[in-house]
Amino acid sequence: MKRSLLLCVVLSAFAFASGGAMAQADLAKAKNCMACHTSATKLVGPAYKDVAEKYAGQKGAEDKLVQKVLKGGSGTWGPIPMPANPQVSEAEARSLVKWVLATK
């Protein structure tokens, strides 16, 4: 009985975590992030896994990337600038950045 209960708790936690990732992917699609980015390969902008790798362990990376999502930027990943995203709220940007930084 205890083993079954533990298995249910573990599976529920996994389902919740992967559901959150799916929700973030849906948000990224809804906010047009996927027009320039993918999870694994460079498109117009860098792959999310490359962003996560570049900023892994850097203090202040989350705040820096939230501002880059909101205001845009250039020069970090090449000559093509990232435009500002006024359709993205700060809360949405923070949520998306956390998801990107967790990409492996």
PDB file of N, CA and C in Angstrom:
ATOM      1  N   MET A   1       0.820  -1.194   0.000  1.00  0.00           N
ATOM      2  CA  MET A   1       0.000   0.000   0.000  1.00  0.00           C
ATOM      3  C   MET A   1       0.867   1.262   0.000  1.00  0.00           C
ATOM      4  N   LYS A   2       1.860   1.293   0.892  1.00  0.00           N
ATOM      5  CA  LYS A   2       2.736   2.458   0.955  1.00  0.00           C
ATOM      6  C   LYS A   2       3.503   2.634  -0.348  1.00  0.00           C
ATOM      7  N   ARG A   3       3.921   1.527  -0.928  1.00  0.00           N
ATOM      8  CA  ARG A   3       4.659   1.583  -2.189  1.00  0.00           C
ATOM      9  C   ARG A   3       3.786   2.162  -3.301  1.00  0.00           C
ATOM     10  N   SER A   4       2.530   1.751  -3.343  1.00  0.00           N
ATOM     11  CA  SER A   4       1.597   2.255  -4.360  1.00  0.00           C
ATOM     12  C   SER A   4       1.356   3.746  -4.170  1.00  0.00           C
ATOM     13  N   LEU A   5       1.206   4.153  -2.931  1.00  0.00           N
ATOM     14  CA  LEU A   5       0.991   5.571  -2.642  1.00  0.00           C
ATOM     15  C   LEU A   5       2.212   6.394  -3.052  1.00  0.00           C
ATOM     16  N   LEU A   6       3.401   5.894  -2.732  1.00  0.00           N
ATOM     17  CA  LEU A   6       4.620   6.591  -3.104  1.00  0.00           C
ATOM     18  C   LEU A   6       4.744   6.694  -4.619  1.00  0.00           C
ATOM     19  N   LEU A   7       4.424   5.636  -5.327  1.00  0.00           N
ATOM     20  CA  LEU A   7       4.472   5.647  -6.787  1.00  0.00           C
ATOM     21  C   LEU A   7       3.503   6.684  -7.352  1.00  0.00           C
ATOM     22  N   CYS A   8       2.317   6.770  -6.784  1.00  0.00           N
ATOM     23  CA  CYS A   8       1.328   7.759  -7.237  1.00  0.00           C
ATOM     24  C   CYS A   8       1.833   9.182  -7.020  1.00  0.00           C
ATOM     25  N   VAL A   9       2.455   9.424  -5.876  1.00  0.00           N
ATOM     26  CA  VAL A   9       2.984  10.754  -5.584  1.00  0.00           C
ATOM     27  C   VAL A   9       4.089  11.116  -6.569  1.00  0.00           C
ATOM     28  N   VAL A  10       4.994  10.189  -6.841  1.00  0.00           N
ATOM     29  CA  VAL A  10       6.096  10.439  -7.761  1.00  0.00           C
ATOM     30  C   VAL A  10       5.564  10.693  -9.172  1.00  0.00           C
ATOM     31  N   LEU A  11       4.641   9.860  -9.624  1.00  0.00           N
ATOM     32  CA  LEU A  11       4.081  10.041 -10.967  1.00  0.00           C
ATOM     33  C   LEU A  11       3.293  11.345 -11.085  1.00  0.00           C
ATOM     34  N   SER A  12       2.594  11.717 -10.034  1.00  0.00           N
ATOM     35  CA  SER A  12       1.849  12.983 -10.056  1.00  0.00           C
ATOM     36  C   SER A  12       2.800  14.167 -10.139  1.00  0.00           C
ATOM     37  N   ALA A  13       3.889  14.110  -9.395  1.00  0.00           N
ATOM     38  CA  ALA A  13       4.877  15.196  -9.435  1.00  0.00           C
ATOM     39  C   ALA A  13       5.491  15.299 -10.825  1.00  0.00           C
ATOM     40  N   PHE A  14       5.790  14.168 -11.441  1.00  0.00           N
ATOM     41  CA  PHE A  14       6.340  14.174 -12.797  1.00  0.00           C
ATOM     42  C   PHE A  14       5.347  14.770 -13.782  1.00  0.00           C
ATOM     43  N   ALA A  15       4.101  14.364 -13.686  1.00  0.00           N
ATOM     44  CA  ALA A  15       3.069  14.884 -14.593  1.00  0.00           C
ATOM     45  C   ALA A  15       2.901  16.388 -14.413  1.00  0.00           C
ATOM     46  N   PHE A  16       2.937  16.846 -13.170  1.00  0.00           N
ATOM     47  CA  PHE A  16       2.807  18.277 -12.902  1.00  0.00           C
ATOM     48  C   PHE A  16       3.979  19.049 -13.501  1.00  0.00           C
ATOM     49  N   ALA A  17       5.188  18.529 -13.306  1.00  0.00           N
ATOM     50  CA  ALA A  17       6.385  19.212 -13.819  1.00  0.00           C
ATOM     51  C   ALA A  17       6.379  19.242 -15.336  1.00  0.00           C
ATOM     52  N   SER A  18       6.063  18.157 -15.988  1.00  0.00           N
ATOM     53  CA  SER A  18       6.068  18.157 -17.444  1.00  0.00           C
ATOM     54  C   SER A  18       4.911  18.970 -17.991  1.00  0.00           C
ATOM     55  N   GLY A  19       3.803  19.039 -17.268  1.00  0.00           N
ATOM     56  CA  GLY A  19       2.687  19.887 -17.680  1.00  0.00           C
ATOM     57  C   GLY A  19       3.075  21.346 -17.641  1.00  0.00           C
ATOM     58  N   GLY A  20       3.885  21.728 -16.656  1.00  0.00           N
ATOM     59  CA  GLY A  20       4.379  23.100 -16.571  1.00  0.00           C
ATOM     60  C   GLY A  20       5.265  23.432 -17.748  1.00  0.00           C
ATOM     61  N   ALA A  21       6.099  22.483 -18.147  1.00  0.00           N
ATOM     62  CA  ALA A  21       6.967  22.704 -19.310  1.00  0.00           C
ATOM     63  C   ALA A  21       6.135  22.852 -20.567  1.00  0.00           C
ATOM     64  N   MET A  22       5.084  22.067 -20.686  1.00  0.00           N
ATOM     65  CA  MET A  22       4.216  22.173 -21.852  1.00  0.00           C
ATOM     66  C   MET A  22       3.508  23.521 -21.852  1.00  0.00           C
ATOM     67  N   ALA A  23       3.103  23.987 -20.685  1.00  0.00           N
ATOM     68  CA  ALA A  23       2.444  25.288 -20.597  1.00  0.00           C
ATOM     69  C   ALA A  23       3.400  26.393 -21.031  1.00  0.00           C
ATOM     70  N   GLN A  24       4.673  26.281 -20.663  1.00  0.00           N
ATOM     71  CA  GLN A  24       5.653  27.290 -21.050  1.00  0.00           C
ATOM     72  C   GLN A  24       5.908  27.245 -22.555  1.00  0.00           C
ATOM     73  N   ALA A  25       5.962  26.066 -23.124  1.00  0.00           N
ATOM     74  CA  ALA A  25       6.129  25.952 -24.575  1.00  0.00           C
ATOM     75  C   ALA A  25       4.938  26.581 -25.291  1.00  0.00           C
ATOM     76  N   ASP A  26       3.751  26.370 -24.750  1.00  0.00           N
ATOM     77  CA  ASP A  26       2.554  26.985 -25.337  1.00  0.00           C
ATOM     78  C   ASP A  26       2.609  28.500 -25.220  1.00  0.00           C
ATOM     79  N   LEU A  27       3.093  29.004 -24.081  1.00  0.00           N
ATOM     80  CA  LEU A  27       3.235  30.447 -23.900  1.00  0.00           C
ATOM     81  C   LEU A  27       4.262  31.001 -24.889  1.00  0.00           C
ATOM     82  N   ALA A  28       5.370  30.296 -25.063  1.00  0.00           N
ATOM     83  CA  ALA A  28       6.400  30.734 -26.013  1.00  0.00           C
ATOM     84  C   ALA A  28       5.836  30.792 -27.427  1.00  0.00           C
ATOM     85  N   LYS A  29       5.010  29.832 -27.779  1.00  0.00           N
ATOM     86  CA  LYS A  29       4.379  29.849 -29.108  1.00  0.00           C
ATOM     87  C   LYS A  29       3.392  31.010 -29.215  1.00  0.00           C
ATOM     88  N   ALA A  30       2.598  31.209 -28.181  1.00  0.00           N
ATOM     89  CA  ALA A  30       1.581  32.270 -28.193  1.00  0.00           C
ATOM     90  C   ALA A  30       2.208  33.661 -28.276  1.00  0.00           C
ATOM     91  N   LYS A  31       3.385  33.830 -27.713  1.00  0.00           N
ATOM     92  CA  LYS A  31       4.055  35.137 -27.704  1.00  0.00           C
ATOM     93  C   LYS A  31       5.046  35.284 -28.853  1.00  0.00           C
ATOM     94  N   ASN A  32       5.006  34.368 -29.800  1.00  0.00           N
ATOM     95  CA  ASN A  32       5.833  34.384 -31.019  1.00  0.00           C
ATOM     96  C   ASN A  32       7.327  34.168 -30.783  1.00  0.00           C
ATOM     97  N   CYS A  33       7.700  33.637 -29.636  1.00  0.00           N
ATOM     98  CA  CYS A  33       9.114  33.348 -29.374  1.00  0.00           C
ATOM     99  C   CYS A  33       9.632  32.289 -30.345  1.00  0.00           C
ATOM    100  N   MET A  34       8.764  31.332 -30.683  1.00  0.00           N
ATOM    101  CA  MET A  34       9.173  30.212 -31.513  1.00  0.00           C
ATOM    102  C   MET A  34       9.354  30.615 -32.985  1.00  0.00           C
ATOM    103  N   ALA A  35       9.025  31.849 -33.329  1.00  0.00           N
ATOM    104  CA  ALA A  35       9.289  32.320 -34.692  1.00  0.00           C
ATOM    105  C   ALA A  35      10.795  32.473 -34.915  1.00  0.00           C
ATOM    106  N   CYS A  36      11.541  32.703 -33.843  1.00  0.00           N
ATOM    107  CA  CYS A  36      12.986  32.918 -33.951  1.00  0.00           C
ATOM    108  C   CYS A  36      13.821  31.907 -33.169  1.00  0.00           C
ATOM    109  N   HIS A  37      13.216  31.181 -32.243  1.00  0.00           N
ATOM    110  CA  HIS A  37      13.954  30.262 -31.374  1.00  0.00           C
ATOM    111  C   HIS A  37      13.349  28.870 -31.402  1.00  0.00           C
ATOM    112  N   THR A  38      14.191  27.864 -31.155  1.00  0.00           N
ATOM    113  CA  THR A  38      13.744  26.497 -30.908  1.00  0.00           C
ATOM    114  C   THR A  38      14.458  26.020 -29.650  1.00  0.00           C
ATOM    115  N   SER A  39      14.041  24.888 -29.157  1.00  0.00           N
ATOM    116  CA  SER A  39      14.679  24.356 -27.958  1.00  0.00           C
ATOM    117  C   SER A  39      16.098  23.864 -28.212  1.00  0.00           C
ATOM    118  N   ALA A  40      16.310  23.226 -29.358  1.00  0.00           N
ATOM    119  CA  ALA A  40      17.567  22.512 -29.557  1.00  0.00           C
ATOM    120  C   ALA A  40      18.506  23.071 -30.624  1.00  0.00           C
ATOM    121  N   THR A  41      17.993  23.812 -31.590  1.00  0.00           N
ATOM    122  CA  THR A  41      18.860  24.273 -32.673  1.00  0.00           C
ATOM    123  C   THR A  41      18.674  25.764 -32.938  1.00  0.00           C
ATOM    124  N   LYS A  42      19.736  26.403 -33.416  1.00  0.00           N
ATOM    125  CA  LYS A  42      19.680  27.824 -33.762  1.00  0.00           C
ATOM    126  C   LYS A  42      18.724  28.007 -34.934  1.00  0.00           C
ATOM    127  N   LEU A  43      17.897  29.007 -34.848  1.00  0.00           N
ATOM    128  CA  LEU A  43      17.015  29.374 -35.950  1.00  0.00           C
ATOM    129  C   LEU A  43      17.466  30.780 -36.363  1.00  0.00           C
ATOM    130  N   VAL A  44      16.697  31.792 -36.073  1.00  0.00           N
ATOM    131  CA  VAL A  44      17.145  33.177 -36.252  1.00  0.00           C
ATOM    132  C   VAL A  44      17.966  33.568 -35.021  1.00  0.00           C
ATOM    133  N   GLY A  45      17.436  33.205 -33.861  1.00  0.00           N
ATOM    134  CA  GLY A  45      18.127  33.431 -32.593  1.00  0.00           C
ATOM    135  C   GLY A  45      18.670  32.119 -32.062  1.00  0.00           C
ATOM    136  N   PRO A  46      19.349  32.172 -30.939  1.00  0.00           N
ATOM    137  CA  PRO A  46      19.968  30.965 -30.384  1.00  0.00           C
ATOM    138  C   PRO A  46      18.931  29.962 -29.887  1.00  0.00           C
ATOM    139  N   ALA A  47      19.348  28.697 -29.837  1.00  0.00           N
ATOM    140  CA  ALA A  47      18.521  27.649 -29.250  1.00  0.00           C
ATOM    141  C   ALA A  47      18.422  27.886 -27.744  1.00  0.00           C
ATOM    142  N   TYR A  48      17.296  27.523 -27.172  1.00  0.00           N
ATOM    143  CA  TYR A  48      17.121  27.694 -25.730  1.00  0.00           C
ATOM    144  C   TYR A  48      18.184  26.942 -24.942  1.00  0.00           C
ATOM    145  N   LYS A  49      18.580  25.764 -25.411  1.00  0.00           N
ATOM    146  CA  LYS A  49      19.611  24.998 -24.691  1.00  0.00           C
ATOM    147  C   LYS A  49      20.937  25.756 -24.683  1.00  0.00           C
ATOM    148  N   ASP A  50      21.222  26.485 -25.762  1.00  0.00           N
ATOM    149  CA  ASP A  50      22.455  27.273 -25.815  1.00  0.00           C
ATOM    150  C   ASP A  50      22.397  28.465 -24.873  1.00  0.00           C
ATOM    151  N   VAL A  51      21.232  29.082 -24.763  1.00  0.00           N
ATOM    152  CA  VAL A  51      21.050  30.188 -23.816  1.00  0.00           C
ATOM    153  C   VAL A  51      21.237  29.665 -22.393  1.00  0.00           C
ATOM    154  N   ALA A  52      20.618  28.532 -22.100  1.00  0.00           N
ATOM    155  CA  ALA A  52      20.736  27.946 -20.763  1.00  0.00           C
ATOM    156  C   ALA A  52      22.186  27.619 -20.433  1.00  0.00           C
ATOM    157  N   GLU A  53      22.897  27.090 -21.402  1.00  0.00           N
ATOM    158  CA  GLU A  53      24.303  26.747 -21.197  1.00  0.00           C
ATOM    159  C   GLU A  53      25.157  27.996 -20.967  1.00  0.00           C
ATOM    160  N   LYS A  54      24.934  29.014 -21.775  1.00  0.00           N
ATOM    161  CA  LYS A  54      25.719  30.250 -21.670  1.00  0.00           C
ATOM    162  C   LYS A  54      25.539  30.933 -20.310  1.00  0.00           C
ATOM    163  N   TYR A  55      24.312  30.938 -19.804  1.00  0.00           N
ATOM    164  CA  TYR A  55      24.020  31.673 -18.581  1.00  0.00           C
ATOM    165  C   TYR A  55      23.965  30.805 -17.332  1.00  0.00           C
ATOM    166  N   ALA A  56      24.280  29.530 -17.458  1.00  0.00           N
ATOM    167  CA  ALA A  56      24.231  28.610 -16.311  1.00  0.00           C
ATOM    168  C   ALA A  56      25.109  29.118 -15.170  1.00  0.00           C
ATOM    169  N   GLY A  57      24.512  29.238 -14.009  1.00  0.00           N
ATOM    170  CA  GLY A  57      25.251  29.632 -12.817  1.00  0.00           C
ATOM    171  C   GLY A  57      25.621  31.100 -12.718  1.00  0.00           C
ATOM    172  N   GLN A  58      25.249  31.915 -13.686  1.00  0.00           N
ATOM    173  CA  GLN A  58      25.591  33.333 -13.637  1.00  0.00           C
ATOM    174  C   GLN A  58      24.627  34.092 -12.735  1.00  0.00           C
ATOM    175  N   LYS A  59      25.190  34.809 -11.796  1.00  0.00           N
ATOM    176  CA  LYS A  59      24.376  35.626 -10.899  1.00  0.00           C
ATOM    177  C   LYS A  59      23.703  36.735 -11.712  1.00  0.00           C
ATOM    178  N   GLY A  60      22.408  36.917 -11.498  1.00  0.00           N
ATOM    179  CA  GLY A  60      21.668  37.965 -12.178  1.00  0.00           C
ATOM    180  C   GLY A  60      21.228  37.631 -13.594  1.00  0.00           C
ATOM    181  N   ALA A  61      21.504  36.407 -14.046  1.00  0.00           N
ATOM    182  CA  ALA A  61      21.158  36.032 -15.427  1.00  0.00           C
ATOM    183  C   ALA A  61      19.659  36.117 -15.675  1.00  0.00           C
ATOM    184  N   GLU A  62      18.871  35.664 -14.718  1.00  0.00           N
ATOM    185  CA  GLU A  62      17.419  35.680 -14.914  1.00  0.00           C
ATOM    186  C   GLU A  62      16.913  37.102 -15.134  1.00  0.00           C
ATOM    187  N   ASP A  63      17.317  38.025 -14.271  1.00  0.00           N
ATOM    188  CA  ASP A  63      16.878  39.422 -14.411  1.00  0.00           C
ATOM    189  C   ASP A  63      17.362  40.034 -15.726  1.00  0.00           C
ATOM    190  N   LYS A  64      18.609  39.746 -16.092  1.00  0.00           N
ATOM    191  CA  LYS A  64      19.178  40.267 -17.336  1.00  0.00           C
ATOM    192  C   LYS A  64      18.379  39.770 -18.538  1.00  0.00           C
ATOM    193  N   LEU A  65      18.047  38.491 -18.547  1.00  0.00           N
ATOM    194  CA  LEU A  65      17.317  37.922 -19.683  1.00  0.00           C
ATOM    195  C   LEU A  65      15.861  38.378 -19.720  1.00  0.00           C
ATOM    196  N   VAL A  66      15.260  38.599 -18.563  1.00  0.00           N
ATOM    197  CA  VAL A  66      13.895  39.137 -18.532  1.00  0.00           C
ATOM    198  C   VAL A  66      13.885  40.496 -19.224  1.00  0.00           C
ATOM    199  N   GLN A  67      14.856  41.330 -18.913  1.00  0.00           N
ATOM    200  CA  GLN A  67      14.926  42.649 -19.542  1.00  0.00           C
ATOM    201  C   GLN A  67      15.187  42.544 -21.049  1.00  0.00           C
ATOM    202  N   LYS A  68      15.991  41.566 -21.438  1.00  0.00           N
ATOM    203  CA  LYS A  68      16.271  41.371 -22.864  1.00  0.00           C
ATOM    204  C   LYS A  68      15.004  40.934 -23.597  1.00  0.00           C
ATOM    205  N   VAL A  69      14.199  40.077 -22.974  1.00  0.00           N
ATOM    206  CA  VAL A  69      12.927  39.667 -23.583  1.00  0.00           C
ATOM    207  C   VAL A  69      12.022  40.877 -23.736  1.00  0.00           C
ATOM    208  N   LEU A  70      11.931  41.685 -22.706  1.00  0.00           N
ATOM    209  CA  LEU A  70      11.020  42.830 -22.724  1.00  0.00           C
ATOM    210  C   LEU A  70      11.494  43.954 -23.648  1.00  0.00           C
ATOM    211  N   LYS A  71      12.780  44.305 -23.562  1.00  0.00           N
ATOM    212  CA  LYS A  71      13.298  45.485 -24.262  1.00  0.00           C
ATOM    213  C   LYS A  71      14.080  45.178 -25.535  1.00  0.00           C
ATOM    214  N   GLY A  72      14.427  43.909 -25.737  1.00  0.00           N
ATOM    215  CA  GLY A  72      15.233  43.533 -26.887  1.00  0.00           C
ATOM    216  C   GLY A  72      16.712  43.727 -26.597  1.00  0.00           C
ATOM    217  N   GLY A  73      17.527  43.444 -27.578  1.00  0.00           N
ATOM    218  CA  GLY A  73      18.964  43.595 -27.408  1.00  0.00           C
ATOM    219  C   GLY A  73      19.683  43.173 -28.670  1.00  0.00           C
ATOM    220  N   SER A  74      21.005  43.359 -28.669  1.00  0.00           N
ATOM    221  CA  SER A  74      21.789  42.972 -29.836  1.00  0.00           C
ATOM    222  C   SER A  74      23.225  42.702 -29.436  1.00  0.00           C
ATOM    223  N   GLY A  75      23.916  41.964 -30.309  1.00  0.00           N
ATOM    224  CA  GLY A  75      25.338  41.743 -30.139  1.00  0.00           C
ATOM    225  C   GLY A  75      25.755  40.520 -29.362  1.00  0.00           C
ATOM    226  N   THR A  76      24.878  39.975 -28.548  1.00  0.00           N
ATOM    227  CA  THR A  76      25.259  38.833 -27.725  1.00  0.00           C
ATOM    228  C   THR A  76      25.394  37.558 -28.553  1.00  0.00           C
ATOM    229  N   TRP A  77      24.510  37.377 -29.517  1.00  0.00           N
ATOM    230  CA  TRP A  77      24.462  36.137 -30.304  1.00  0.00           C
ATOM    231  C   TRP A  77      24.731  36.377 -31.782  1.00  0.00           C
ATOM    232  N   GLY A  78      25.237  37.520 -32.129  1.00  0.00           N
ATOM    233  CA  GLY A  78      25.514  37.807 -33.527  1.00  0.00           C
ATOM    234  C   GLY A  78      24.882  39.116 -33.954  1.00  0.00           C
ATOM    235  N   PRO A  79      24.859  39.368 -35.249  1.00  0.00           N
ATOM    236  CA  PRO A  79      24.433  40.672 -35.745  1.00  0.00           C
ATOM    237  C   PRO A  79      22.919  40.900 -35.774  1.00  0.00           C
ATOM    238  N   ILE A  80      22.128  39.855 -35.688  1.00  0.00           N
ATOM    239  CA  ILE A  80      20.675  40.026 -35.775  1.00  0.00           C
ATOM    240  C   ILE A  80      20.135  40.408 -34.396  1.00  0.00           C
ATOM    241  N   PRO A  81      19.530  41.581 -34.265  1.00  0.00           N
ATOM    242  CA  PRO A  81      19.024  42.010 -32.950  1.00  0.00           C
ATOM    243  C   PRO A  81      17.749  41.276 -32.566  1.00  0.00           C
ATOM    244  N   MET A  82      17.555  41.149 -31.276  1.00  0.00           N
ATOM    245  CA  MET A  82      16.295  40.626 -30.757  1.00  0.00           C
ATOM    246  C   MET A  82      15.395  41.830 -30.520  1.00  0.00           C
ATOM    247  N   PRO A  83      14.206  41.828 -31.118  1.00  0.00           N
ATOM    248  CA  PRO A  83      13.320  42.978 -30.935  1.00  0.00           C
ATOM    249  C   PRO A  83      12.694  42.994 -29.544  1.00  0.00           C
ATOM    250  N   ALA A  84      12.229  44.154 -29.140  1.00  0.00           N
ATOM    251  CA  ALA A  84      11.460  44.273 -27.901  1.00  0.00           C
ATOM    252  C   ALA A  84      10.163  43.486 -28.061  1.00  0.00           C
ATOM    253  N   ASN A  85       9.610  43.035 -26.964  1.00  0.00           N
ATOM    254  CA  ASN A  85       8.389  42.229 -26.985  1.00  0.00           C
ATOM    255  C   ASN A  85       7.325  42.850 -26.086  1.00  0.00           C
ATOM    256  N   PRO A  86       6.690  43.934 -26.529  1.00  0.00           N
ATOM    257  CA  PRO A  86       5.701  44.612 -25.694  1.00  0.00           C
ATOM    258  C   PRO A  86       4.458  43.761 -25.410  1.00  0.00           C
ATOM    259  N   GLN A  87       4.250  42.690 -26.177  1.00  0.00           N
ATOM    260  CA  GLN A  87       3.103  41.808 -25.952  1.00  0.00           C
ATOM    261  C   GLN A  87       3.335  40.844 -24.785  1.00  0.00           C
ATOM    262  N   VAL A  88       4.546  40.853 -24.227  1.00  0.00           N
ATOM    263  CA  VAL A  88       4.905  39.963 -23.120  1.00  0.00           C
ATOM    264  C   VAL A  88       4.947  40.770 -21.830  1.00  0.00           C
ATOM    265  N   SER A  89       4.200  40.323 -20.823  1.00  0.00           N
ATOM    266  CA  SER A  89       4.247  40.999 -19.515  1.00  0.00           C
ATOM    267  C   SER A  89       5.539  40.601 -18.798  1.00  0.00           C
ATOM    268  N   GLU A  90       5.890  41.354 -17.766  1.00  0.00           N
ATOM    269  CA  GLU A  90       7.102  41.012 -17.019  1.00  0.00           C
ATOM    270  C   GLU A  90       6.967  39.640 -16.367  1.00  0.00           C
ATOM    271  N   ALA A  91       5.781  39.311 -15.854  1.00  0.00           N
ATOM    272  CA  ALA A  91       5.563  37.998 -15.237  1.00  0.00           C
ATOM    273  C   ALA A  91       5.720  36.880 -16.271  1.00  0.00           C
ATOM    274  N   GLU A  92       5.188  37.109 -17.471  1.00  0.00           N
ATOM    275  CA  GLU A  92       5.338  36.106 -18.532  1.00  0.00           C
ATOM    276  C   GLU A  92       6.801  35.964 -18.940  1.00  0.00           C
ATOM    277  N   ALA A  93       7.497  37.086 -19.055  1.00  0.00           N
ATOM    278  CA  ALA A  93       8.911  37.050 -19.420  1.00  0.00           C
ATOM    279  C   ALA A  93       9.708  36.286 -18.375  1.00  0.00           C
ATOM    280  N   ARG A  94       9.437  36.526 -17.110  1.00  0.00           N
ATOM    281  CA  ARG A  94      10.157  35.818 -16.042  1.00  0.00           C
ATOM    282  C   ARG A  94       9.877  34.326 -16.102  1.00  0.00           C
ATOM    283  N   SER A  95       8.636  33.973 -16.330  1.00  0.00           N
ATOM    284  CA  SER A  95       8.261  32.563 -16.436  1.00  0.00           C
ATOM    285  C   SER A  95       8.962  31.901 -17.622  1.00  0.00           C
ATOM    286  N   LEU A  96       8.977  32.579 -18.759  1.00  0.00           N
ATOM    287  CA  LEU A  96       9.646  32.045 -19.946  1.00  0.00           C
ATOM    288  C   LEU A  96      11.152  31.920 -19.727  1.00  0.00           C
ATOM    289  N   VAL A  97      11.761  32.911 -19.114  1.00  0.00           N
ATOM    290  CA  VAL A  97      13.204  32.871 -18.868  1.00  0.00           C
ATOM    291  C   VAL A  97      13.557  31.725 -17.928  1.00  0.00           C
ATOM    292  N   LYS A  98      12.775  31.521 -16.895  1.00  0.00           N
ATOM    293  CA  LYS A  98      13.032  30.389 -15.988  1.00  0.00           C
ATOM    294  C   LYS A  98      12.971  29.078 -16.752  1.00  0.00           C
ATOM    295  N   TRP A  99      11.987  28.969 -17.634  1.00  0.00           N
ATOM    296  CA  TRP A  99      11.854  27.751 -18.461  1.00  0.00           C
ATOM    297  C   TRP A  99      13.064  27.588 -19.379  1.00  0.00           C
ATOM    298  N   VAL A 100      13.472  28.663 -20.035  1.00  0.00           N
ATOM    299  CA  VAL A 100      14.620  28.590 -20.940  1.00  0.00           C
ATOM    300  C   VAL A 100      15.868  28.205 -20.170  1.00  0.00           C
ATOM    301  N   LEU A 101      16.095  28.805 -19.012  1.00  0.00           N
ATOM    302  CA  LEU A 101      17.297  28.517 -18.228  1.00  0.00           C
ATOM    303  C   LEU A 101      17.311  27.089 -17.703  1.00  0.00           C
ATOM    304  N   ALA A 102      16.157  26.454 -17.614  1.00  0.00           N
ATOM    305  CA  ALA A 102      16.082  25.066 -17.173  1.00  0.00           C
ATOM    306  C   ALA A 102      16.234  24.077 -18.327  1.00  0.00           C
ATOM    307  N   THR A 103      16.321  24.582 -19.549  1.00  0.00           N
ATOM    308  CA  THR A 103      16.433  23.718 -20.730  1.00  0.00           C
ATOM    309  C   THR A 103      17.800  23.049 -20.728  1.00  0.00           C
ATOM    310  N   LYS A 104      17.796  21.784 -21.036  1.00  0.00           N
ATOM    311  CA  LYS A 104      19.060  21.028 -21.075  1.00  0.00           C
ATOM    312  C   LYS A 104      19.251  20.423 -22.441  1.00  0.00           C
TER     313      LYS A 104
END
